N, C-alpha and C. Protein backbone atom coordinates (compact mmCIF):
# COMPACT_ATOMS: atom_id res chain seq x y z
N UNK A 1 17.71 182.07 -11.03
CA UNK A 1 17.53 183.24 -10.18
C UNK A 1 17.81 184.49 -11.01
N UNK A 2 16.95 185.44 -10.93
CA UNK A 2 17.12 186.66 -11.72
C UNK A 2 18.13 187.59 -11.06
N UNK A 3 18.66 188.52 -11.84
CA UNK A 3 19.63 189.48 -11.31
C UNK A 3 19.02 190.31 -10.20
N UNK A 4 17.75 190.69 -10.34
CA UNK A 4 17.06 191.48 -9.33
C UNK A 4 17.04 190.75 -8.00
N UNK A 5 16.76 189.46 -8.01
CA UNK A 5 16.71 188.68 -6.78
C UNK A 5 18.07 188.61 -6.10
N UNK A 6 19.11 188.47 -6.90
CA UNK A 6 20.45 188.41 -6.35
C UNK A 6 20.79 189.72 -5.66
N UNK A 7 20.53 190.84 -6.32
CA UNK A 7 20.83 192.15 -5.75
C UNK A 7 20.00 192.39 -4.50
N UNK A 8 18.72 192.08 -4.56
CA UNK A 8 17.82 192.34 -3.44
C UNK A 8 18.17 191.50 -2.22
N UNK A 9 18.69 190.29 -2.41
CA UNK A 9 19.00 189.44 -1.27
C UNK A 9 20.37 189.74 -0.68
N UNK A 10 21.12 190.66 -1.29
CA UNK A 10 22.40 191.09 -0.77
C UNK A 10 22.16 192.28 0.15
N UNK A 11 22.33 192.07 1.43
CA UNK A 11 22.01 193.11 2.41
C UNK A 11 23.24 193.91 2.82
N UNK A 12 24.33 193.80 2.07
CA UNK A 12 25.56 194.53 2.40
C UNK A 12 25.33 196.03 2.43
N UNK A 13 24.65 196.56 1.41
CA UNK A 13 24.38 198.00 1.36
C UNK A 13 23.48 198.41 2.52
N UNK A 14 22.49 197.59 2.85
CA UNK A 14 21.61 197.89 3.98
C UNK A 14 22.41 197.92 5.27
N UNK A 15 23.32 196.97 5.44
CA UNK A 15 24.17 196.95 6.62
C UNK A 15 24.94 198.26 6.76
N UNK A 16 25.50 198.73 5.65
CA UNK A 16 26.28 199.98 5.67
C UNK A 16 25.40 201.18 6.00
N UNK A 17 24.22 201.21 5.42
CA UNK A 17 23.28 202.32 5.68
C UNK A 17 22.91 202.36 7.15
N UNK A 18 22.52 201.21 7.69
CA UNK A 18 22.08 201.16 9.09
C UNK A 18 23.22 201.41 10.06
N UNK A 19 24.41 200.97 9.72
CA UNK A 19 25.55 201.17 10.63
C UNK A 19 26.00 202.63 10.66
N UNK A 20 25.59 203.40 9.66
CA UNK A 20 25.98 204.82 9.63
C UNK A 20 25.11 205.69 10.54
N UNK A 21 24.07 205.09 11.12
CA UNK A 21 23.15 205.83 12.00
C UNK A 21 23.34 205.31 13.42
N UNK A 22 23.68 206.23 14.32
CA UNK A 22 24.00 205.84 15.71
C UNK A 22 22.81 205.17 16.40
N UNK A 23 21.71 205.87 16.52
CA UNK A 23 20.51 205.32 17.15
C UNK A 23 19.36 205.50 16.17
N UNK A 24 18.85 204.41 15.66
CA UNK A 24 17.81 204.47 14.65
C UNK A 24 16.45 204.66 15.28
N UNK A 25 15.75 205.66 14.80
CA UNK A 25 14.39 205.94 15.25
C UNK A 25 13.50 206.16 14.04
N UNK A 26 12.23 206.37 14.28
CA UNK A 26 11.29 206.55 13.17
C UNK A 26 11.62 207.79 12.33
N UNK A 27 12.29 208.77 12.92
CA UNK A 27 12.66 209.96 12.15
C UNK A 27 13.76 209.67 11.13
N UNK A 28 14.38 208.51 11.22
CA UNK A 28 15.43 208.12 10.28
C UNK A 28 14.88 207.37 9.07
N UNK A 29 13.58 207.14 9.03
CA UNK A 29 12.99 206.34 7.96
C UNK A 29 13.30 206.89 6.57
N UNK A 30 13.05 208.16 6.34
CA UNK A 30 13.25 208.73 5.01
C UNK A 30 14.72 208.66 4.59
N UNK A 31 15.66 209.07 5.44
CA UNK A 31 17.07 208.94 5.04
C UNK A 31 17.48 207.48 4.75
N UNK A 32 16.95 206.54 5.51
CA UNK A 32 17.25 205.12 5.26
C UNK A 32 16.69 204.71 3.90
N UNK A 33 15.44 205.07 3.63
CA UNK A 33 14.83 204.73 2.34
C UNK A 33 15.59 205.37 1.19
N UNK A 34 16.05 206.61 1.38
CA UNK A 34 16.85 207.27 0.34
C UNK A 34 18.16 206.53 0.11
N UNK A 35 18.78 206.07 1.16
CA UNK A 35 20.01 205.30 1.03
C UNK A 35 19.79 203.99 0.31
N UNK A 36 18.68 203.32 0.62
CA UNK A 36 18.34 202.06 -0.06
C UNK A 36 18.10 202.33 -1.54
N UNK A 37 17.35 203.37 -1.86
CA UNK A 37 17.08 203.73 -3.25
C UNK A 37 18.38 204.02 -3.99
N UNK A 38 19.26 204.76 -3.37
CA UNK A 38 20.54 205.12 -3.98
C UNK A 38 21.40 203.87 -4.21
N UNK A 39 21.42 202.97 -3.26
CA UNK A 39 22.27 201.78 -3.34
C UNK A 39 21.75 200.71 -4.28
N UNK A 40 20.43 200.46 -4.24
CA UNK A 40 19.85 199.36 -5.00
C UNK A 40 19.21 199.83 -6.31
N UNK A 41 18.95 201.13 -6.42
CA UNK A 41 18.31 201.65 -7.63
C UNK A 41 16.79 201.60 -7.57
N UNK A 42 16.27 200.99 -6.53
CA UNK A 42 14.82 200.91 -6.28
C UNK A 42 14.66 200.45 -4.84
N UNK A 43 13.43 200.23 -4.39
CA UNK A 43 13.19 199.78 -3.02
C UNK A 43 12.76 198.31 -3.04
N UNK A 44 13.73 197.39 -3.00
CA UNK A 44 13.40 195.96 -3.05
C UNK A 44 12.60 195.53 -1.82
N UNK A 45 11.49 194.83 -2.03
CA UNK A 45 10.67 194.38 -0.90
C UNK A 45 11.45 193.57 0.13
N UNK A 46 12.39 192.72 -0.32
CA UNK A 46 13.17 191.90 0.60
C UNK A 46 14.03 192.77 1.51
N UNK A 47 14.57 193.84 0.96
CA UNK A 47 15.42 194.74 1.73
C UNK A 47 14.56 195.53 2.72
N UNK A 48 13.37 195.96 2.29
CA UNK A 48 12.49 196.69 3.19
C UNK A 48 12.06 195.82 4.36
N UNK A 49 11.78 194.54 4.11
CA UNK A 49 11.41 193.63 5.20
C UNK A 49 12.58 193.46 6.16
N UNK A 50 13.77 193.30 5.62
CA UNK A 50 14.95 193.15 6.46
C UNK A 50 15.21 194.43 7.26
N UNK A 51 15.00 195.58 6.64
CA UNK A 51 15.16 196.86 7.33
C UNK A 51 14.18 196.94 8.49
N UNK A 52 12.96 196.53 8.28
CA UNK A 52 11.95 196.53 9.33
C UNK A 52 12.38 195.66 10.50
N UNK A 53 12.86 194.47 10.19
CA UNK A 53 13.30 193.55 11.25
C UNK A 53 14.45 194.14 12.06
N UNK A 54 15.38 194.75 11.37
CA UNK A 54 16.59 195.25 12.04
C UNK A 54 16.37 196.56 12.79
N UNK A 55 15.44 197.37 12.34
CA UNK A 55 15.25 198.67 12.97
C UNK A 55 14.09 198.70 13.95
N UNK A 56 13.16 197.76 13.80
CA UNK A 56 11.96 197.79 14.64
C UNK A 56 10.89 198.72 14.09
N UNK A 57 11.16 199.35 12.95
CA UNK A 57 10.15 200.20 12.30
C UNK A 57 9.18 199.27 11.59
N UNK A 58 7.91 199.39 11.89
CA UNK A 58 6.92 198.48 11.33
C UNK A 58 6.85 198.60 9.81
N UNK A 59 6.67 197.44 9.15
CA UNK A 59 6.57 197.42 7.69
C UNK A 59 5.47 198.35 7.18
N UNK A 60 4.37 198.40 7.89
CA UNK A 60 3.27 199.26 7.48
C UNK A 60 3.71 200.73 7.45
N UNK A 61 4.51 201.14 8.41
CA UNK A 61 5.03 202.51 8.44
C UNK A 61 5.95 202.76 7.25
N UNK A 62 6.75 201.76 6.90
CA UNK A 62 7.68 201.89 5.78
C UNK A 62 6.90 202.04 4.49
N UNK A 63 5.90 201.20 4.30
CA UNK A 63 5.14 201.22 3.05
C UNK A 63 4.24 202.44 2.95
N UNK A 64 3.82 202.97 4.09
CA UNK A 64 2.93 204.12 4.09
C UNK A 64 3.66 205.41 3.71
N UNK A 65 4.92 205.51 4.08
CA UNK A 65 5.71 206.71 3.79
C UNK A 65 5.90 206.77 2.31
């Protein structure tokens, strides 16, 4: 398993980012993506999929932004 896979499959940072937002809506997409970028150093596809599942923001919306 590569280091990238290990980091990307660790959703601890995502948990912290999402828990810092009271009610997540589509207007929170950019701040969430910025937090993911800051925490992981890039936007791991596994984390983006997990973010979509947890927030209800469609993956297509995430990838389009």
